[in-house]
Amino acid sequence: MKTYKYLVFLLAFTLFSACEATWTMEIELNEDNSGNYRIAVLLDQEAQLYAVETGQTSIGGLNAILTSMPEGFGSTIYEDKDKLGILVRNNFSSIEEFESQLEVLRKDENTELLLLPISDISITTDGSEKIVSGSFAKILNGADEEIEGIEDIYSGSLSIKLPGRIEEPKIEDINDNTVIFQHSGLLQQTFFMSSNTQELRDVYIIGVLFSILLLGYIIARQRNNKK
């Protein structure tokens, strides 16, 4: 069953080294543990052409995922440069809701393919610390590794954006509090990212106190002027 899912995910293009499937997932977590995520699966032009030549639409078997999407999820055909595929997105108000939404996707054999590159993922909070961790799956295994150019038929990435100060991984230049983890389908890999929102809260508290003092000063001046 697993082998079948791997082949469906790659749309049988593992036999053609000129074709490529791309998987991306973007997660954004807010300070109150709400957030949103996007999952995209894209095919290059060679893969699109092969799908059409075999009597499918240009996005091939990805249509099955679109037609199986549960209620509450946004989904559409998506184009990025010369690649075409599908985009699925949703919002969540809590970590528990995020986890339940992923479980809903995993319950259907078609929508489960959206999460196939991820073995597990969890979001946890510990005081002011927020952590996103998990592991990627090895989706190209066994005899598939013997195919010439196997490493070129799939590319994957997980993008995570957290509030506060990023503590892990220790990267000098982090743009917009976002870290991108690259996934190789040939390897089992782990990912870990953490941030601390204490400084963010301190700035908020200082801002509130300053606003209160400023308001008090304005009221006091108005009273003195009336006198």
N, C-alpha and C. Protein backbone atom coordinates (compact mmCIF):
# COMPACT_ATOMS: atom_id res chain seq x y z
N MET A 1 0.83 -1.21 0.00
CA MET A 1 0.00 0.00 0.00
C MET A 1 0.86 1.25 0.00
N LYS A 2 1.92 1.23 0.82
CA LYS A 2 2.81 2.39 0.87
C LYS A 2 3.48 2.62 -0.46
N THR A 3 3.95 1.54 -1.09
CA THR A 3 4.60 1.69 -2.39
C THR A 3 3.65 2.31 -3.39
N TYR A 4 2.39 1.89 -3.35
CA TYR A 4 1.38 2.44 -4.26
C TYR A 4 1.22 3.93 -4.03
N LYS A 5 1.20 4.35 -2.77
CA LYS A 5 1.03 5.77 -2.46
C LYS A 5 2.22 6.58 -2.96
N TYR A 6 3.42 6.04 -2.82
CA TYR A 6 4.59 6.75 -3.31
C TYR A 6 4.49 6.97 -4.82
N LEU A 7 4.05 5.93 -5.52
CA LEU A 7 3.95 6.05 -6.97
C LEU A 7 2.86 7.02 -7.37
N VAL A 8 1.75 7.02 -6.64
CA VAL A 8 0.68 7.97 -6.93
C VAL A 8 1.16 9.39 -6.68
N PHE A 9 1.88 9.57 -5.58
CA PHE A 9 2.37 10.91 -5.23
C PHE A 9 3.25 11.47 -6.34
N LEU A 10 4.08 10.63 -6.89
CA LEU A 10 4.97 11.07 -7.97
C LEU A 10 4.32 10.90 -9.34
N LEU A 11 3.07 10.43 -9.33
CA LEU A 11 2.30 10.30 -10.56
C LEU A 11 2.98 9.43 -11.62
N ALA A 12 3.64 8.40 -11.13
CA ALA A 12 4.31 7.43 -12.00
C ALA A 12 5.43 8.03 -12.83
N PHE A 13 5.89 9.25 -12.46
CA PHE A 13 6.93 9.88 -13.24
C PHE A 13 8.33 9.46 -12.78
N THR A 14 8.41 8.53 -11.83
CA THR A 14 9.71 8.05 -11.40
C THR A 14 10.41 7.30 -12.50
N LEU A 15 9.67 6.91 -13.53
CA LEU A 15 10.28 6.19 -14.65
C LEU A 15 10.87 7.14 -15.68
N PHE A 16 10.67 8.44 -15.48
CA PHE A 16 11.13 9.42 -16.46
C PHE A 16 11.94 10.49 -15.74
N SER A 17 13.26 10.37 -15.83
CA SER A 17 14.13 11.26 -15.07
C SER A 17 13.99 12.73 -15.48
N ALA A 18 13.38 12.99 -16.65
CA ALA A 18 13.22 14.37 -17.10
C ALA A 18 12.07 15.06 -16.39
N CYS A 19 11.22 14.30 -15.70
CA CYS A 19 10.05 14.87 -15.02
C CYS A 19 10.37 15.14 -13.56
N GLU A 20 9.67 16.13 -13.01
CA GLU A 20 9.92 16.48 -11.62
C GLU A 20 8.62 16.86 -10.92
N ALA A 21 8.46 16.37 -9.69
CA ALA A 21 7.35 16.76 -8.82
C ALA A 21 7.93 17.57 -7.66
N THR A 22 7.27 18.67 -7.31
CA THR A 22 7.73 19.52 -6.22
C THR A 22 6.66 19.61 -5.14
N TRP A 23 7.06 19.41 -3.89
CA TRP A 23 6.15 19.52 -2.75
C TRP A 23 6.65 20.63 -1.83
N THR A 24 5.73 21.52 -1.42
CA THR A 24 6.09 22.56 -0.45
C THR A 24 4.98 22.68 0.59
N MET A 25 5.38 22.97 1.81
CA MET A 25 4.42 23.25 2.87
C MET A 25 4.92 24.48 3.62
N GLU A 26 4.02 25.44 3.85
CA GLU A 26 4.35 26.67 4.56
C GLU A 26 3.44 26.79 5.79
N ILE A 27 4.06 26.96 6.96
CA ILE A 27 3.30 27.09 8.21
C ILE A 27 3.66 28.42 8.87
N GLU A 28 2.64 29.16 9.27
CA GLU A 28 2.85 30.41 10.01
C GLU A 28 2.09 30.34 11.33
N LEU A 29 2.82 30.48 12.43
CA LEU A 29 2.22 30.41 13.76
C LEU A 29 2.27 31.78 14.40
N ASN A 30 1.15 32.20 15.00
CA ASN A 30 1.07 33.49 15.69
C ASN A 30 1.32 33.31 17.18
N GLU A 31 1.46 34.43 17.88
CA GLU A 31 1.76 34.37 19.31
C GLU A 31 0.64 33.69 20.10
N ASP A 32 -0.63 33.84 19.66
CA ASP A 32 -1.75 33.24 20.38
C ASP A 32 -2.02 31.80 19.94
N ASN A 33 -1.08 31.20 19.20
CA ASN A 33 -1.16 29.82 18.72
C ASN A 33 -2.16 29.62 17.58
N SER A 34 -2.67 30.69 17.03
CA SER A 34 -3.44 30.59 15.79
C SER A 34 -2.44 30.61 14.64
N GLY A 35 -2.91 30.38 13.43
CA GLY A 35 -1.99 30.41 12.30
C GLY A 35 -2.64 29.94 11.02
N ASN A 36 -1.81 29.64 10.05
CA ASN A 36 -2.30 29.16 8.77
C ASN A 36 -1.22 28.32 8.11
N TYR A 37 -1.61 27.55 7.10
CA TYR A 37 -0.63 26.75 6.36
C TYR A 37 -1.11 26.56 4.93
N ARG A 38 -0.13 26.29 4.05
CA ARG A 38 -0.37 26.05 2.63
C ARG A 38 0.45 24.83 2.21
N ILE A 39 -0.17 23.98 1.42
CA ILE A 39 0.54 22.82 0.86
C ILE A 39 0.36 22.84 -0.65
N ALA A 40 1.47 22.76 -1.37
CA ALA A 40 1.41 22.76 -2.83
C ALA A 40 2.15 21.55 -3.39
N VAL A 41 1.58 20.94 -4.41
CA VAL A 41 2.24 19.88 -5.16
C VAL A 41 2.23 20.31 -6.62
N LEU A 42 3.41 20.43 -7.21
CA LEU A 42 3.54 20.96 -8.57
C LEU A 42 4.29 20.00 -9.48
N LEU A 43 3.96 20.06 -10.76
CA LEU A 43 4.60 19.23 -11.77
C LEU A 43 5.27 20.12 -12.79
N ASP A 44 6.45 19.72 -13.27
CA ASP A 44 7.11 20.51 -14.29
C ASP A 44 6.46 20.27 -15.65
N GLN A 45 6.94 20.97 -16.66
CA GLN A 45 6.30 20.91 -17.98
C GLN A 45 6.38 19.52 -18.60
N GLU A 46 7.47 18.80 -18.36
CA GLU A 46 7.60 17.45 -18.90
C GLU A 46 6.54 16.53 -18.30
N ALA A 47 6.32 16.67 -17.00
CA ALA A 47 5.32 15.85 -16.33
C ALA A 47 3.91 16.20 -16.80
N GLN A 48 3.66 17.50 -17.02
CA GLN A 48 2.35 17.92 -17.52
C GLN A 48 2.09 17.34 -18.90
N LEU A 49 3.11 17.38 -19.76
CA LEU A 49 2.97 16.85 -21.11
C LEU A 49 2.70 15.35 -21.09
N TYR A 50 3.40 14.64 -20.22
CA TYR A 50 3.20 13.20 -20.11
C TYR A 50 1.78 12.89 -19.66
N ALA A 51 1.26 13.68 -18.70
CA ALA A 51 -0.10 13.46 -18.20
C ALA A 51 -1.12 13.62 -19.33
N VAL A 52 -0.95 14.67 -20.13
CA VAL A 52 -1.87 14.92 -21.25
C VAL A 52 -1.78 13.79 -22.28
N GLU A 53 -0.57 13.34 -22.57
CA GLU A 53 -0.37 12.29 -23.56
C GLU A 53 -0.98 10.96 -23.14
N THR A 54 -1.13 10.78 -21.83
CA THR A 54 -1.73 9.53 -21.32
C THR A 54 -3.22 9.69 -21.03
N GLY A 55 -3.83 10.76 -21.56
CA GLY A 55 -5.28 10.93 -21.45
C GLY A 55 -5.76 11.58 -20.18
N GLN A 56 -4.87 12.19 -19.41
CA GLN A 56 -5.26 12.87 -18.18
C GLN A 56 -5.26 14.38 -18.41
N THR A 57 -5.68 15.12 -17.39
CA THR A 57 -5.52 16.57 -17.46
C THR A 57 -4.05 16.89 -17.22
N SER A 58 -3.67 18.14 -17.37
CA SER A 58 -2.26 18.51 -17.23
C SER A 58 -1.72 18.32 -15.82
N ILE A 59 -2.60 18.20 -14.82
CA ILE A 59 -2.11 17.96 -13.45
C ILE A 59 -2.25 16.49 -13.07
N GLY A 60 -2.59 15.65 -14.03
CA GLY A 60 -2.60 14.21 -13.80
C GLY A 60 -3.44 13.77 -12.61
N GLY A 61 -2.88 12.85 -11.83
CA GLY A 61 -3.60 12.28 -10.69
C GLY A 61 -3.87 13.24 -9.55
N LEU A 62 -3.33 14.46 -9.63
CA LEU A 62 -3.60 15.44 -8.57
C LEU A 62 -5.06 15.84 -8.52
N ASN A 63 -5.78 15.60 -9.62
CA ASN A 63 -7.22 15.88 -9.62
C ASN A 63 -7.95 15.10 -8.54
N ALA A 64 -7.47 13.89 -8.28
CA ALA A 64 -8.12 13.05 -7.26
C ALA A 64 -8.04 13.69 -5.88
N ILE A 65 -6.94 14.41 -5.63
CA ILE A 65 -6.79 15.10 -4.35
C ILE A 65 -7.79 16.25 -4.26
N LEU A 66 -7.90 17.02 -5.33
CA LEU A 66 -8.82 18.17 -5.33
C LEU A 66 -10.26 17.73 -5.08
N THR A 67 -10.68 16.66 -5.75
CA THR A 67 -12.06 16.20 -5.62
C THR A 67 -12.34 15.56 -4.27
N SER A 68 -11.29 15.21 -3.54
CA SER A 68 -11.46 14.55 -2.24
C SER A 68 -11.29 15.49 -1.06
N MET A 69 -11.02 16.78 -1.33
CA MET A 69 -10.76 17.72 -0.24
C MET A 69 -11.97 17.86 0.68
N PRO A 70 -11.76 17.71 1.99
CA PRO A 70 -12.88 17.85 2.93
C PRO A 70 -13.35 19.29 3.06
N GLU A 71 -14.52 19.46 3.61
CA GLU A 71 -15.10 20.79 3.80
C GLU A 71 -14.24 21.61 4.76
N GLY A 72 -14.10 22.88 4.45
CA GLY A 72 -13.33 23.77 5.31
C GLY A 72 -11.93 24.06 4.80
N PHE A 73 -11.47 23.28 3.83
CA PHE A 73 -10.16 23.50 3.25
C PHE A 73 -10.30 24.26 1.93
N GLY A 74 -9.43 25.22 1.73
CA GLY A 74 -9.39 25.90 0.44
C GLY A 74 -8.47 25.14 -0.49
N SER A 75 -8.86 24.98 -1.73
CA SER A 75 -8.02 24.26 -2.69
C SER A 75 -8.24 24.82 -4.09
N THR A 76 -7.19 24.79 -4.88
CA THR A 76 -7.27 25.34 -6.22
C THR A 76 -6.14 24.78 -7.08
N ILE A 77 -6.31 24.88 -8.40
CA ILE A 77 -5.21 24.59 -9.31
C ILE A 77 -4.24 25.76 -9.21
N TYR A 78 -2.96 25.47 -9.13
CA TYR A 78 -1.97 26.50 -8.79
C TYR A 78 -0.81 26.45 -9.77
N GLU A 79 -0.35 27.61 -10.20
CA GLU A 79 0.76 27.70 -11.14
C GLU A 79 1.89 28.54 -10.55
N ASP A 80 3.10 28.03 -10.64
CA ASP A 80 4.27 28.75 -10.16
C ASP A 80 5.35 28.67 -11.23
N LYS A 81 5.54 29.78 -11.94
CA LYS A 81 6.47 29.83 -13.07
C LYS A 81 6.04 28.79 -14.11
N ASP A 82 6.91 27.82 -14.43
CA ASP A 82 6.56 26.85 -15.45
C ASP A 82 5.98 25.57 -14.86
N LYS A 83 5.69 25.58 -13.57
CA LYS A 83 5.14 24.39 -12.91
C LYS A 83 3.65 24.57 -12.63
N LEU A 84 2.92 23.48 -12.69
CA LEU A 84 1.47 23.51 -12.50
C LEU A 84 1.07 22.38 -11.55
N GLY A 85 0.11 22.66 -10.68
CA GLY A 85 -0.33 21.63 -9.73
C GLY A 85 -1.49 22.10 -8.90
N ILE A 86 -1.48 21.77 -7.62
CA ILE A 86 -2.58 22.14 -6.73
C ILE A 86 -2.05 22.83 -5.48
N LEU A 87 -2.90 23.66 -4.90
CA LEU A 87 -2.58 24.37 -3.67
C LEU A 87 -3.73 24.16 -2.69
N VAL A 88 -3.40 23.74 -1.48
CA VAL A 88 -4.39 23.53 -0.41
C VAL A 88 -4.00 24.43 0.76
N ARG A 89 -4.97 25.08 1.38
CA ARG A 89 -4.68 26.01 2.46
C ARG A 89 -5.78 25.96 3.53
N ASN A 90 -5.40 26.36 4.74
CA ASN A 90 -6.38 26.43 5.82
C ASN A 90 -5.83 27.29 6.95
N ASN A 91 -6.73 27.74 7.81
CA ASN A 91 -6.37 28.49 9.01
C ASN A 91 -6.70 27.65 10.24
N PHE A 92 -6.06 27.95 11.36
CA PHE A 92 -6.40 27.28 12.61
C PHE A 92 -6.32 28.29 13.75
N SER A 93 -7.18 28.10 14.75
CA SER A 93 -7.25 29.02 15.89
C SER A 93 -6.47 28.51 17.09
N SER A 94 -6.01 27.25 17.03
CA SER A 94 -5.26 26.66 18.14
C SER A 94 -4.41 25.51 17.61
N ILE A 95 -3.47 25.07 18.42
CA ILE A 95 -2.63 23.93 18.04
C ILE A 95 -3.48 22.68 17.89
N GLU A 96 -4.46 22.52 18.78
CA GLU A 96 -5.34 21.35 18.71
C GLU A 96 -6.11 21.32 17.39
N GLU A 97 -6.55 22.48 16.93
CA GLU A 97 -7.28 22.52 15.66
C GLU A 97 -6.36 22.19 14.50
N PHE A 98 -5.12 22.66 14.56
CA PHE A 98 -4.14 22.33 13.53
C PHE A 98 -3.94 20.82 13.46
N GLU A 99 -3.78 20.18 14.60
CA GLU A 99 -3.56 18.73 14.63
C GLU A 99 -4.78 17.97 14.11
N SER A 100 -5.97 18.43 14.47
CA SER A 100 -7.18 17.74 14.02
C SER A 100 -7.37 17.89 12.51
N GLN A 101 -6.98 19.03 11.95
CA GLN A 101 -7.10 19.23 10.51
C GLN A 101 -6.16 18.29 9.75
N LEU A 102 -4.95 18.10 10.26
CA LEU A 102 -4.02 17.17 9.62
C LEU A 102 -4.54 15.74 9.70
N GLU A 103 -5.19 15.41 10.80
CA GLU A 103 -5.77 14.07 10.94
C GLU A 103 -6.88 13.85 9.92
N VAL A 104 -7.65 14.89 9.66
CA VAL A 104 -8.71 14.80 8.65
C VAL A 104 -8.09 14.50 7.28
N LEU A 105 -6.99 15.17 6.94
CA LEU A 105 -6.33 14.92 5.66
C LEU A 105 -5.79 13.49 5.58
N ARG A 106 -5.30 12.98 6.68
CA ARG A 106 -4.70 11.64 6.68
C ARG A 106 -5.75 10.53 6.60
N LYS A 107 -7.00 10.84 6.88
CA LYS A 107 -8.03 9.81 6.88
C LYS A 107 -8.44 9.38 5.48
N ASP A 108 -8.19 10.22 4.49
CA ASP A 108 -8.55 9.88 3.11
C ASP A 108 -7.29 9.50 2.34
N GLU A 109 -7.35 8.42 1.56
CA GLU A 109 -6.16 7.95 0.86
C GLU A 109 -5.65 8.92 -0.20
N ASN A 110 -6.52 9.81 -0.67
CA ASN A 110 -6.09 10.81 -1.65
C ASN A 110 -5.48 12.04 -0.98
N THR A 111 -6.21 12.63 -0.02
CA THR A 111 -5.69 13.82 0.64
C THR A 111 -4.49 13.49 1.54
N GLU A 112 -4.36 12.24 1.93
CA GLU A 112 -3.21 11.83 2.73
C GLU A 112 -1.90 12.05 1.98
N LEU A 113 -1.97 12.01 0.65
CA LEU A 113 -0.77 12.20 -0.17
C LEU A 113 -0.16 13.57 0.02
N LEU A 114 -0.97 14.55 0.43
CA LEU A 114 -0.45 15.89 0.68
C LEU A 114 0.57 15.91 1.81
N LEU A 115 0.42 14.98 2.76
CA LEU A 115 1.29 14.93 3.93
C LEU A 115 2.28 13.78 3.87
N LEU A 116 2.33 13.08 2.74
CA LEU A 116 3.20 11.91 2.62
C LEU A 116 4.67 12.21 2.91
N PRO A 117 5.20 13.38 2.48
CA PRO A 117 6.61 13.67 2.77
C PRO A 117 6.92 13.85 4.26
N ILE A 118 5.90 14.01 5.10
CA ILE A 118 6.12 14.24 6.53
C ILE A 118 5.74 13.00 7.33
N SER A 119 6.71 12.43 8.07
CA SER A 119 6.41 11.30 8.93
C SER A 119 5.61 11.75 10.14
N ASP A 120 6.04 12.85 10.75
CA ASP A 120 5.30 13.41 11.88
C ASP A 120 5.69 14.87 12.04
N ILE A 121 4.77 15.62 12.66
CA ILE A 121 5.01 17.04 12.92
C ILE A 121 4.21 17.44 14.15
N SER A 122 4.79 18.27 14.99
CA SER A 122 4.08 18.72 16.19
C SER A 122 4.45 20.16 16.51
N ILE A 123 3.47 20.88 17.06
CA ILE A 123 3.69 22.24 17.54
C ILE A 123 3.46 22.23 19.05
N THR A 124 4.43 22.71 19.81
CA THR A 124 4.31 22.73 21.27
C THR A 124 4.68 24.11 21.80
N THR A 125 4.16 24.43 22.97
CA THR A 125 4.51 25.68 23.65
C THR A 125 4.94 25.36 25.07
N ASP A 126 5.94 26.09 25.53
CA ASP A 126 6.42 25.93 26.91
C ASP A 126 6.72 27.32 27.43
N GLY A 127 5.72 27.90 28.10
CA GLY A 127 5.86 29.27 28.54
C GLY A 127 5.89 30.20 27.34
N SER A 128 6.98 30.94 27.21
CA SER A 128 7.12 31.86 26.09
C SER A 128 7.79 31.21 24.88
N GLU A 129 8.14 29.93 25.00
CA GLU A 129 8.83 29.23 23.91
C GLU A 129 7.83 28.49 23.03
N LYS A 130 8.04 28.59 21.71
CA LYS A 130 7.21 27.87 20.74
C LYS A 130 8.12 26.99 19.90
N ILE A 131 7.69 25.75 19.69
CA ILE A 131 8.53 24.76 19.01
C ILE A 131 7.73 24.05 17.93
N VAL A 132 8.33 23.92 16.75
CA VAL A 132 7.78 23.09 15.68
C VAL A 132 8.84 22.04 15.36
N SER A 133 8.49 20.77 15.46
CA SER A 133 9.47 19.71 15.24
C SER A 133 8.81 18.52 14.56
N GLY A 134 9.64 17.66 14.01
CA GLY A 134 9.12 16.46 13.36
C GLY A 134 10.16 15.83 12.48
N SER A 135 9.72 15.01 11.54
CA SER A 135 10.65 14.32 10.65
C SER A 135 10.03 14.15 9.27
N PHE A 136 10.92 14.14 8.28
CA PHE A 136 10.52 13.87 6.91
C PHE A 136 10.60 12.37 6.63
N ALA A 137 9.77 11.92 5.70
CA ALA A 137 9.78 10.51 5.31
C ALA A 137 10.77 10.27 4.19
N LYS A 138 11.21 9.03 4.06
CA LYS A 138 12.01 8.60 2.92
C LYS A 138 11.04 8.03 1.89
N ILE A 139 10.64 8.86 0.93
CA ILE A 139 9.58 8.45 0.01
C ILE A 139 10.11 7.80 -1.27
N LEU A 140 11.42 7.91 -1.49
CA LEU A 140 12.03 7.24 -2.63
C LEU A 140 12.95 6.17 -2.07
N ASN A 141 12.51 4.93 -2.04
CA ASN A 141 13.32 3.90 -1.39
C ASN A 141 13.35 2.62 -2.22
N GLY A 142 14.08 1.66 -1.71
CA GLY A 142 14.14 0.36 -2.35
C GLY A 142 14.70 0.42 -3.75
N ALA A 143 14.03 -0.28 -4.65
CA ALA A 143 14.50 -0.37 -6.04
C ALA A 143 14.46 0.97 -6.75
N ASP A 144 13.62 1.90 -6.27
CA ASP A 144 13.51 3.20 -6.92
C ASP A 144 14.85 3.93 -6.97
N GLU A 145 15.71 3.68 -5.98
CA GLU A 145 16.99 4.37 -5.91
C GLU A 145 17.90 3.97 -7.07
N GLU A 146 17.61 2.86 -7.71
CA GLU A 146 18.45 2.39 -8.80
C GLU A 146 18.14 3.12 -10.11
N ILE A 147 17.03 3.87 -10.15
CA ILE A 147 16.67 4.59 -11.35
C ILE A 147 17.62 5.77 -11.55
N GLU A 148 18.16 5.89 -12.74
CA GLU A 148 19.10 6.96 -13.03
C GLU A 148 18.41 8.32 -12.89
N GLY A 149 19.06 9.22 -12.17
CA GLY A 149 18.52 10.56 -11.99
C GLY A 149 17.37 10.61 -10.99
N ILE A 150 17.25 9.60 -10.11
CA ILE A 150 16.14 9.55 -9.15
C ILE A 150 16.10 10.79 -8.26
N GLU A 151 17.29 11.35 -7.94
CA GLU A 151 17.33 12.51 -7.05
C GLU A 151 16.78 13.77 -7.70
N ASP A 152 16.58 13.73 -9.02
CA ASP A 152 16.09 14.92 -9.73
C ASP A 152 14.58 14.91 -9.97
N ILE A 153 13.89 13.84 -9.61
CA ILE A 153 12.46 13.78 -9.93
C ILE A 153 11.58 14.34 -8.82
N TYR A 154 12.18 14.64 -7.68
CA TYR A 154 11.39 15.16 -6.56
C TYR A 154 12.20 16.18 -5.78
N SER A 155 11.54 17.27 -5.38
CA SER A 155 12.14 18.24 -4.46
C SER A 155 11.07 18.68 -3.48
N GLY A 156 11.47 18.86 -2.23
CA GLY A 156 10.49 19.24 -1.21
C GLY A 156 11.06 20.25 -0.24
N SER A 157 10.19 21.06 0.36
CA SER A 157 10.63 22.03 1.35
C SER A 157 9.50 22.33 2.33
N LEU A 158 9.88 22.57 3.57
CA LEU A 158 8.95 22.95 4.63
C LEU A 158 9.38 24.30 5.16
N SER A 159 8.50 25.30 5.04
CA SER A 159 8.79 26.66 5.48
C SER A 159 8.00 26.94 6.77
N ILE A 160 8.71 27.40 7.80
CA ILE A 160 8.06 27.66 9.10
C ILE A 160 8.35 29.09 9.54
N LYS A 161 7.30 29.81 9.93
CA LYS A 161 7.45 31.17 10.44
C LYS A 161 6.89 31.22 11.86
N LEU A 162 7.73 31.65 12.81
CA LEU A 162 7.33 31.73 14.21
C LEU A 162 7.44 33.17 14.72
N PRO A 163 6.64 33.52 15.74
CA PRO A 163 6.73 34.85 16.33
C PRO A 163 7.90 34.92 17.32
N GLY A 164 8.31 36.12 17.66
CA GLY A 164 9.36 36.28 18.66
C GLY A 164 10.76 36.18 18.10
N ARG A 165 11.71 35.83 18.98
CA ARG A 165 13.11 35.69 18.58
C ARG A 165 13.42 34.23 18.29
N ILE A 166 13.97 33.95 17.11
CA ILE A 166 14.29 32.58 16.71
C ILE A 166 15.52 32.10 17.50
N GLU A 167 15.36 30.99 18.20
CA GLU A 167 16.46 30.43 18.98
C GLU A 167 17.13 29.26 18.27
N GLU A 168 16.36 28.43 17.61
CA GLU A 168 16.87 27.28 16.85
C GLU A 168 16.13 27.22 15.52
N PRO A 169 16.77 26.88 14.44
CA PRO A 169 18.23 26.64 14.32
C PRO A 169 19.00 27.95 14.39
N LYS A 170 20.26 27.85 14.73
CA LYS A 170 21.09 29.04 14.88
C LYS A 170 21.64 29.43 13.50
N ILE A 171 20.92 30.33 12.86
CA ILE A 171 21.30 30.84 11.55
C ILE A 171 21.50 32.34 11.67
N GLU A 172 22.59 32.83 11.09
CA GLU A 172 22.91 34.26 11.22
C GLU A 172 21.84 35.15 10.61
N ASP A 173 21.47 34.87 9.38
CA ASP A 173 20.50 35.71 8.69
C ASP A 173 19.18 34.97 8.51
N ILE A 174 18.17 35.37 9.28
CA ILE A 174 16.83 34.78 9.17
C ILE A 174 15.89 35.86 8.69
N ASN A 175 15.34 35.66 7.53
CA ASN A 175 14.47 36.66 6.91
C ASN A 175 13.02 36.47 7.34
N ASP A 176 12.43 37.51 7.90
CA ASP A 176 11.00 37.50 8.26
C ASP A 176 10.65 36.36 9.21
N ASN A 177 11.57 36.03 10.13
CA ASN A 177 11.33 34.97 11.13
C ASN A 177 10.97 33.62 10.50
N THR A 178 11.47 33.39 9.30
CA THR A 178 11.11 32.18 8.55
C THR A 178 12.34 31.33 8.27
N VAL A 179 12.20 30.02 8.51
CA VAL A 179 13.27 29.07 8.21
C VAL A 179 12.71 28.03 7.24
N ILE A 180 13.48 27.71 6.21
CA ILE A 180 13.06 26.72 5.22
C ILE A 180 13.92 25.47 5.36
N PHE A 181 13.25 24.33 5.56
CA PHE A 181 13.93 23.04 5.67
C PHE A 181 13.75 22.29 4.35
N GLN A 182 14.86 21.93 3.71
CA GLN A 182 14.81 21.20 2.46
C GLN A 182 14.66 19.70 2.72
N HIS A 183 13.84 19.06 1.91
CA HIS A 183 13.58 17.63 2.07
C HIS A 183 14.09 16.85 0.88
N SER A 184 14.92 15.86 1.14
CA SER A 184 15.36 14.95 0.09
C SER A 184 14.54 13.67 0.23
N GLY A 185 13.90 13.26 -0.84
CA GLY A 185 13.07 12.06 -0.79
C GLY A 185 13.87 10.79 -0.58
N LEU A 186 15.20 10.88 -0.68
CA LEU A 186 16.06 9.70 -0.52
C LEU A 186 16.49 9.47 0.92
N LEU A 187 16.22 10.45 1.79
CA LEU A 187 16.72 10.36 3.16
C LEU A 187 15.61 10.60 4.18
N GLN A 188 15.76 9.98 5.34
CA GLN A 188 14.93 10.32 6.48
C GLN A 188 15.62 11.50 7.17
N GLN A 189 14.87 12.58 7.40
CA GLN A 189 15.45 13.77 7.97
C GLN A 189 14.55 14.31 9.08
N THR A 190 15.15 15.06 9.99
CA THR A 190 14.38 15.69 11.05
C THR A 190 14.44 17.21 10.88
N PHE A 191 13.47 17.89 11.48
CA PHE A 191 13.47 19.36 11.48
C PHE A 191 13.07 19.85 12.87
N PHE A 192 13.64 20.97 13.27
CA PHE A 192 13.38 21.52 14.60
C PHE A 192 13.55 23.03 14.54
N MET A 193 12.57 23.74 15.04
CA MET A 193 12.64 25.20 15.09
C MET A 193 11.96 25.70 16.36
N SER A 194 12.58 26.65 17.02
CA SER A 194 12.00 27.20 18.24
C SER A 194 12.19 28.71 18.29
N SER A 195 11.29 29.37 19.01
CA SER A 195 11.38 30.82 19.18
C SER A 195 10.94 31.18 20.59
N ASN A 196 11.31 32.37 21.02
CA ASN A 196 10.92 32.87 22.33
C ASN A 196 10.20 34.19 22.16
N THR A 197 8.97 34.25 22.68
CA THR A 197 8.15 35.45 22.50
C THR A 197 8.20 36.38 23.71
N GLN A 198 9.10 36.10 24.68
CA GLN A 198 9.16 36.91 25.89
C GLN A 198 9.47 38.36 25.56
N GLU A 199 10.44 38.59 24.68
CA GLU A 199 10.80 39.96 24.31
C GLU A 199 9.64 40.66 23.63
N LEU A 200 8.89 39.91 22.83
CA LEU A 200 7.72 40.48 22.15
C LEU A 200 6.68 40.93 23.17
N ARG A 201 6.48 40.11 24.20
CA ARG A 201 5.52 40.47 25.25
C ARG A 201 6.01 41.67 26.05
N ASP A 202 7.32 41.71 26.32
CA ASP A 202 7.87 42.84 27.08
C ASP A 202 7.66 44.15 26.32
N VAL A 203 7.88 44.12 25.01
CA VAL A 203 7.68 45.31 24.19
C VAL A 203 6.21 45.72 24.22
N TYR A 204 5.31 44.72 24.17
CA TYR A 204 3.88 45.01 24.20
C TYR A 204 3.49 45.66 25.54
N ILE A 205 4.00 45.11 26.63
CA ILE A 205 3.67 45.64 27.96
C ILE A 205 4.19 47.07 28.11
N ILE A 206 5.42 47.29 27.66
CA ILE A 206 6.00 48.63 27.72
C ILE A 206 5.17 49.61 26.88
N GLY A 207 4.73 49.14 25.72
CA GLY A 207 3.91 49.98 24.86
C GLY A 207 2.59 50.35 25.52
N VAL A 208 1.96 49.38 26.18
CA VAL A 208 0.70 49.65 26.88
C VAL A 208 0.90 50.63 28.02
N LEU A 209 1.97 50.43 28.82
CA LEU A 209 2.25 51.34 29.94
C LEU A 209 2.54 52.75 29.45
N PHE A 210 3.29 52.84 28.36
CA PHE A 210 3.60 54.16 27.80
C PHE A 210 2.32 54.85 27.34
N SER A 211 1.42 54.10 26.72
CA SER A 211 0.16 54.68 26.25
C SER A 211 -0.68 55.19 27.42
N ILE A 212 -0.70 54.40 28.50
CA ILE A 212 -1.47 54.80 29.69
C ILE A 212 -0.89 56.09 30.29
N LEU A 213 0.45 56.13 30.42
CA LEU A 213 1.10 57.34 30.98
C LEU A 213 0.86 58.55 30.09
N LEU A 214 0.93 58.32 28.77
CA LEU A 214 0.71 59.43 27.84
C LEU A 214 -0.72 59.94 27.94
N LEU A 215 -1.67 59.02 28.06
CA LEU A 215 -3.07 59.42 28.20
C LEU A 215 -3.29 60.19 29.49
N GLY A 216 -2.65 59.72 30.59
CA GLY A 216 -2.76 60.42 31.86
C GLY A 216 -2.19 61.82 31.79
N TYR A 217 -1.05 61.95 31.09
CA TYR A 217 -0.42 63.26 30.94
C TYR A 217 -1.31 64.22 30.16
N ILE A 218 -1.94 63.72 29.08
CA ILE A 218 -2.83 64.56 28.27
C ILE A 218 -4.04 65.01 29.08
N ILE A 219 -4.64 64.09 29.85
CA ILE A 219 -5.80 64.44 30.67
C ILE A 219 -5.42 65.48 31.72
N ALA A 220 -4.24 65.29 32.35
CA ALA A 220 -3.79 66.24 33.39
C ALA A 220 -3.57 67.63 32.80
N ARG A 221 -3.00 67.71 31.62
CA ARG A 221 -2.77 69.01 30.97
C ARG A 221 -4.08 69.70 30.63
N GLN A 222 -5.05 68.90 30.16
CA GLN A 222 -6.36 69.50 29.83
C GLN A 222 -7.03 70.07 31.06
N ARG A 223 -6.92 69.37 32.17
CA ARG A 223 -7.51 69.86 33.42
C ARG A 223 -6.83 71.15 33.88
N ASN A 224 -5.51 71.17 33.74
CA ASN A 224 -4.76 72.38 34.16
C ASN A 224 -5.12 73.56 33.26
N ASN A 225 -5.31 73.31 31.99
CA ASN A 225 -5.68 74.38 31.07
C ASN A 225 -7.05 74.96 31.40
N LYS A 226 -7.96 74.10 31.84
CA LYS A 226 -9.32 74.55 32.19
C LYS A 226 -9.30 75.43 33.42
N LYS A 227 -8.33 75.17 34.30
CA LYS A 227 -8.24 75.97 35.52
C LYS A 227 -7.74 77.39 35.19
